[in-house]
C-alpha atoms as a PDB file:
ATOM      1  CA  MET A   1      97.566 -44.688 -63.836  1.00  0.00           C
ATOM      2  CA  ARG A   2      94.919 -42.896 -61.986  1.00  0.00           C
ATOM      3  CA  LYS A   3      92.436 -43.060 -64.864  1.00  0.00           C
ATOM      4  CA  ILE A   4      92.986 -46.912 -65.030  1.00  0.00           C
ATOM      5  CA  GLN A   5      92.258 -47.296 -61.347  1.00  0.00           C
ATOM      6  CA  THR A   6      89.129 -45.272 -61.625  1.00  0.00           C
ATOM      7  CA  LEU A   7      87.869 -47.270 -64.729  1.00  0.00           C
ATOM      8  CA  LEU A   8      88.529 -50.573 -62.941  1.00  0.00           C
ATOM      9  CA  PHE A   9      86.719 -49.398 -59.887  1.00  0.00           C
ATOM     10  CA  ALA A  10      83.785 -48.255 -61.916  1.00  0.00           C
ATOM     11  CA  LEU A  11      83.573 -51.641 -63.721  1.00  0.00           C
ATOM     12  CA  THR A  12      83.678 -53.346 -60.582  1.00  0.00           C
ATOM     13  CA  LEU A  13      80.774 -51.497 -59.235  1.00  0.00           C
ATOM     14  CA  LEU A  14      78.777 -51.978 -62.433  1.00  0.00           C
ATOM     15  CA  GLY A  15      79.505 -55.799 -62.242  1.00  0.00           C
ATOM     16  CA  LEU A  16      78.378 -55.925 -58.609  1.00  0.00           C
ATOM     17  CA  ASN A  17      74.967 -54.376 -59.422  1.00  0.00           C
ATOM     18  CA  VAL A  18      72.946 -57.458 -59.836  1.00  0.00           C
ATOM     19  CA  ASN A  19      69.440 -58.598 -58.689  1.00  0.00           C
ATOM     20  CA  ALA A  20      69.822 -61.310 -56.045  1.00  0.00           C
ATOM     21  CA  GLN A  21      66.835 -63.096 -57.520  1.00  0.00           C
ATOM     22  CA  ASN A  22      68.890 -64.067 -60.528  1.00  0.00           C
ATOM     23  CA  THR A  23      71.283 -66.280 -58.635  1.00  0.00           C
ATOM     24  CA  VAL A  24      70.691 -70.010 -58.952  1.00  0.00           C
ATOM     25  CA  SER A  25      71.329 -72.038 -55.683  1.00  0.00           C
ATOM     26  CA  THR A  26      72.916 -75.475 -56.176  1.00  0.00           C
ATOM     27  CA  SER A  27      73.554 -78.447 -53.859  1.00  0.00           C
ATOM     28  CA  GLU A  28      77.309 -77.711 -54.166  1.00  0.00           C
ATOM     29  CA  ALA A  29      79.606 -74.903 -55.059  1.00  0.00           C
ATOM     30  CA  THR A  30      80.001 -74.589 -58.823  1.00  0.00           C
ATOM     31  CA  LYS A  31      83.496 -75.813 -59.968  1.00  0.00           C
ATOM     32  CA  VAL A  32      85.234 -75.278 -63.436  1.00  0.00           C
ATOM     33  CA  VAL A  33      88.391 -76.973 -64.774  1.00  0.00           C
ATOM     34  CA  PHE A  34      89.701 -75.090 -67.760  1.00  0.00           C
ATOM     35  CA  ALA A  35      92.799 -74.746 -70.021  1.00  0.00           C
ATOM     36  CA  GLU A  36      93.798 -71.264 -70.775  1.00  0.00           C
ATOM     37  CA  ALA A  37      95.926 -69.698 -73.466  1.00  0.00           C
ATOM     38  CA  GLY A  38      97.125 -66.158 -72.449  1.00  0.00           C
ATOM     39  CA  GLY A  39      96.018 -64.938 -69.166  1.00  0.00           C
ATOM     40  CA  PRO A  40      98.151 -65.079 -65.855  1.00  0.00           C
ATOM     41  CA  GLY A  41      99.363 -68.496 -66.465  1.00  0.00           C
ATOM     42  CA  LEU A  42     100.497 -68.031 -70.284  1.00  0.00           C
ATOM     43  CA  LEU A  43      99.604 -71.619 -71.189  1.00  0.00           C
ATOM     44  CA  SER A  44      97.859 -73.086 -68.122  1.00  0.00           C
ATOM     45  CA  ILE A  45      95.430 -75.549 -66.537  1.00  0.00           C
ATOM     46  CA  ASN A  46      93.192 -74.022 -63.858  1.00  0.00           C
ATOM     47  CA  TYR A  47      90.635 -74.851 -61.192  1.00  0.00           C
ATOM     48  CA  ASP A  48      87.933 -72.317 -60.407  1.00  0.00           C
ATOM     49  CA  MET A  49      85.276 -72.693 -57.594  1.00  0.00           C
ATOM     50  CA  ARG A  50      82.671 -70.484 -55.999  1.00  0.00           C
ATOM     51  CA  PHE A  51      82.766 -69.981 -52.174  1.00  0.00           C
ATOM     52  CA  SER A  52      78.976 -70.265 -51.882  1.00  0.00           C
ATOM     53  CA  LYS A  53      76.394 -72.857 -53.262  1.00  0.00           C
ATOM     54  CA  THR A  54      75.543 -70.643 -56.279  1.00  0.00           C
ATOM     55  CA  ASN A  55      76.699 -70.207 -59.813  1.00  0.00           C
ATOM     56  CA  ALA A  56      77.686 -66.608 -59.131  1.00  0.00           C
ATOM     57  CA  GLY A  57      79.348 -64.657 -56.379  1.00  0.00           C
ATOM     58  CA  PHE A  58      82.815 -64.709 -54.962  1.00  0.00           C
ATOM     59  CA  GLY A  59      85.414 -67.420 -55.782  1.00  0.00           C
ATOM     60  CA  PHE A  60      88.957 -68.312 -56.431  1.00  0.00           C
ATOM     61  CA  ARG A  61      91.130 -69.776 -59.181  1.00  0.00           C
ATOM     62  CA  ALA A  62      94.348 -71.671 -58.888  1.00  0.00           C
ATOM     63  CA  GLY A  63      96.372 -73.267 -61.747  1.00  0.00           C
ATOM     64  CA  PHE A  64      99.768 -74.062 -63.267  1.00  0.00           C
ATOM     65  CA  GLY A  65     101.290 -73.233 -66.484  1.00  0.00           C
ATOM     66  CA  GLY A  66     104.466 -72.236 -68.267  1.00  0.00           C
ATOM     67  CA  TRP A  67     106.795 -73.533 -70.933  1.00  0.00           C
ATOM     68  CA  ALA A  68     110.230 -74.952 -71.639  1.00  0.00           C
ATOM     69  CA  LEU A  69     112.356 -73.452 -74.686  1.00  0.00           C
ATOM     70  CA  LYS A  70     116.022 -74.376 -75.196  1.00  0.00           C
ATOM     71  CA  ASN A  71     117.851 -73.556 -71.938  1.00  0.00           C
ATOM     72  CA  SER A  72     114.940 -71.751 -70.297  1.00  0.00           C
ATOM     73  CA  LYS A  73     112.119 -73.431 -68.234  1.00  0.00           C
ATOM     74  CA  LEU A  74     109.401 -71.402 -66.749  1.00  0.00           C
ATOM     75  CA  LEU A  75     106.660 -72.575 -64.248  1.00  0.00           C
ATOM     76  CA  LEU A  76     103.777 -70.158 -63.393  1.00  0.00           C
ATOM     77  CA  ILE A  77     101.206 -70.658 -60.788  1.00  0.00           C
ATOM     78  CA  PRO A  78      98.327 -68.078 -60.949  1.00  0.00           C
ATOM     79  CA  LEU A  79      96.338 -67.601 -57.729  1.00  0.00           C
ATOM     80  CA  GLY A  80      93.418 -65.164 -57.590  1.00  0.00           C
ATOM     81  CA  LEU A  81      90.095 -64.162 -56.172  1.00  0.00           C
ATOM     82  CA  ASN A  82      87.200 -63.361 -58.534  1.00  0.00           C
ATOM     83  CA  TYR A  83      83.484 -62.336 -58.530  1.00  0.00           C
ATOM     84  CA  ILE A  84      81.124 -63.239 -61.220  1.00  0.00           C
ATOM     85  CA  THR A  85      77.518 -62.027 -61.929  1.00  0.00           C
ATOM     86  CA  SER A  86      74.897 -62.702 -64.375  1.00  0.00           C
ATOM     87  CA  LYS A  87      71.437 -61.494 -65.411  1.00  0.00           C
ATOM     88  CA  ASN A  88      70.434 -64.805 -67.175  1.00  0.00           C
ATOM     89  CA  ASN A  89      72.507 -67.550 -65.363  1.00  0.00           C
ATOM     90  CA  ARG A  90      74.454 -68.477 -68.434  1.00  0.00           C
ATOM     91  CA  ASP A  91      76.389 -65.445 -69.583  1.00  0.00           C
ATOM     92  CA  TYR A  92      78.619 -64.060 -66.800  1.00  0.00           C
ATOM     93  CA  PHE A  93      80.740 -60.852 -66.287  1.00  0.00           C
ATOM     94  CA  GLU A  94      83.901 -61.662 -64.253  1.00  0.00           C
ATOM     95  CA  VAL A  95      86.194 -59.346 -62.383  1.00  0.00           C
ATOM     96  CA  GLY A  96      89.187 -60.430 -60.332  1.00  0.00           C
ATOM     97  CA  ALA A  97      92.620 -59.927 -59.086  1.00  0.00           C
ATOM     98  CA  GLY A  98      95.618 -62.042 -58.027  1.00  0.00           C
ATOM     99  CA  THR A  99      99.224 -62.898 -58.237  1.00  0.00           C
ATOM    100  CA  THR A 100     101.283 -65.356 -60.375  1.00  0.00           C
ATOM    101  CA  ILE A 101     104.235 -67.104 -58.656  1.00  0.00           C
ATOM    102  CA  VAL A 102     107.102 -67.599 -61.108  1.00  0.00           C
ATOM    103  CA  SER A 103     109.869 -70.151 -61.054  1.00  0.00           C
ATOM    104  CA  ASN A 104     112.293 -69.600 -63.783  1.00  0.00           C
ATOM    105  CA  ASN A 105     115.589 -71.490 -64.105  1.00  0.00           C
ATOM    106  CA  LYS A 106     117.448 -68.543 -65.883  1.00  0.00           C
ATOM    107  CA  GLY A 107     117.137 -66.343 -62.873  1.00  0.00           C
ATOM    108  CA  ASP A 108     118.805 -63.227 -64.514  1.00  0.00           C
ATOM    109  CA  GLY A 109     115.979 -60.864 -63.285  1.00  0.00           C
ATOM    110  CA  ASP A 110     115.426 -59.269 -66.688  1.00  0.00           C
ATOM    111  CA  GLY A 111     112.004 -59.160 -68.315  1.00  0.00           C
ATOM    112  CA  PRO A 112     108.364 -59.367 -67.261  1.00  0.00           C
ATOM    113  CA  PHE A 113     108.145 -62.966 -66.473  1.00  0.00           C
ATOM    114  CA  GLU A 114     111.350 -63.490 -64.447  1.00  0.00           C
ATOM    115  CA  SER A 115     109.802 -62.782 -61.022  1.00  0.00           C
ATOM    116  CA  SER A 116     106.178 -63.053 -59.651  1.00  0.00           C
ATOM    117  CA  PHE A 117     103.653 -60.548 -60.794  1.00  0.00           C
ATOM    118  CA  GLY A 118     100.136 -59.297 -60.292  1.00  0.00           C
ATOM    119  CA  PHE A 119      97.133 -59.345 -62.584  1.00  0.00           C
ATOM    120  CA  LEU A 120      93.612 -58.076 -62.853  1.00  0.00           C
ATOM    121  CA  SER A 121      90.923 -59.762 -64.803  1.00  0.00           C
ATOM    122  CA  LEU A 122      87.805 -58.236 -66.534  1.00  0.00           C
ATOM    123  CA  GLY A 123      86.006 -60.684 -68.812  1.00  0.00           C
ATOM    124  CA  TYR A 124      82.975 -62.830 -70.080  1.00  0.00           C
ATOM    125  CA  ARG A 125      82.159 -66.369 -69.268  1.00  0.00           C
ATOM    126  CA  LYS A 126      79.700 -68.693 -70.848  1.00  0.00           C
ATOM    127  CA  GLN A 127      78.803 -71.197 -67.990  1.00  0.00           C
ATOM    128  CA  PRO A 128      75.840 -73.419 -68.101  1.00  0.00           C
ATOM    129  CA  VAL A 129      73.684 -73.482 -64.911  1.00  0.00           C
ATOM    130  CA  ASP A 130      73.667 -77.322 -64.416  1.00  0.00           C
ATOM    131  CA  GLY A 131      77.302 -77.987 -65.754  1.00  0.00           C
ATOM    132  CA  GLY A 132      78.639 -78.399 -69.138  1.00  0.00           C
ATOM    133  CA  TYR A 133      81.230 -76.921 -71.444  1.00  0.00           C
ATOM    134  CA  PHE A 134      82.698 -73.654 -70.302  1.00  0.00           C
ATOM    135  CA  PHE A 135      84.213 -70.673 -72.266  1.00  0.00           C
ATOM    136  CA  LYS A 136      85.874 -67.514 -71.027  1.00  0.00           C
ATOM    137  CA  ALA A 137      87.699 -64.502 -72.645  1.00  0.00           C
ATOM    138  CA  SER A 138      89.168 -61.813 -70.610  1.00  0.00           C
ATOM    139  CA  LEU A 139      91.305 -58.668 -70.492  1.00  0.00           C
ATOM    140  CA  THR A 140      94.044 -59.470 -68.038  1.00  0.00           C
ATOM    141  CA  PRO A 141      96.452 -56.531 -67.323  1.00  0.00           C
ATOM    142  CA  VAL A 142      99.531 -57.800 -65.731  1.00  0.00           C
ATOM    143  CA  PHE A 143     101.992 -55.839 -63.625  1.00  0.00           C
ATOM    144  CA  GLY A 144     105.211 -56.347 -61.850  1.00  0.00           C
ATOM    145  CA  LYS A 145     108.740 -55.090 -61.053  1.00  0.00           C
ATOM    146  CA  GLY A 146     109.290 -52.444 -63.773  1.00  0.00           C
ATOM    147  CA  PHE A 147     106.501 -53.482 -66.180  1.00  0.00           C
ATOM    148  CA  PHE A 148     102.779 -52.973 -66.877  1.00  0.00           C
ATOM    149  CA  TRP A 149     100.944 -54.513 -69.771  1.00  0.00           C
ATOM    150  CA  PRO A 150      97.377 -53.070 -69.755  1.00  0.00           C
ATOM    151  CA  TYR A 151      96.140 -54.971 -72.948  1.00  0.00           C
ATOM    152  CA  TYR A 152      97.095 -58.427 -72.169  1.00  0.00           C
ATOM    153  CA  GLY A 153      94.351 -61.129 -72.232  1.00  0.00           C
ATOM    154  CA  GLY A 154      93.471 -64.761 -72.388  1.00  0.00           C
ATOM    155  CA  VAL A 155      90.942 -67.252 -73.621  1.00  0.00           C
ATOM    156  CA  GLY A 156      89.916 -70.370 -71.832  1.00  0.00           C
ATOM    157  CA  PHE A 157      87.991 -73.662 -72.556  1.00  0.00           C
ATOM    158  CA  GLY A 158      86.856 -76.268 -69.990  1.00  0.00           C
ATOM    159  CA  TYR A 159      84.101 -77.840 -68.183  1.00  0.00           C
ATOM    160  CA  ALA A 160      81.832 -76.742 -65.393  1.00  0.00           C
ATOM    161  CA  PHE A 161      80.295 -79.142 -62.849  1.00  0.00           C
END
């Protein structure tokens, strides 16, 4: 566990080492709406926005997802903070963390998605400077009461504006 924490810290520092001249200022904060398979919402629709009027920097994500199978209905609400950085204002490295709120009608408390859980995110984004189609792929370790999945991930497609 200590090795994983050290690795995540080192990757975060590498991601933050960016030249400030490579950040493009915009008239509004960059926003993205995307669908994601995998990731902290399993099958989800998400909204992502930067806190500043640039394409890179700190931001947040919020979404909803889940599924219904036979007698089990699952609603997931992923909420997280992230930081993205780029050398060419098109290809971005993303690092983030958050929590997923879980509402499950079974309520028996067994299994990884029976209660809220935390997640980390390390990934790649293809995000045009002036809006357009968006793509992301990420390694998303998830952890909660009694479980840790280090090799979980997700892929997302959407639109940046």
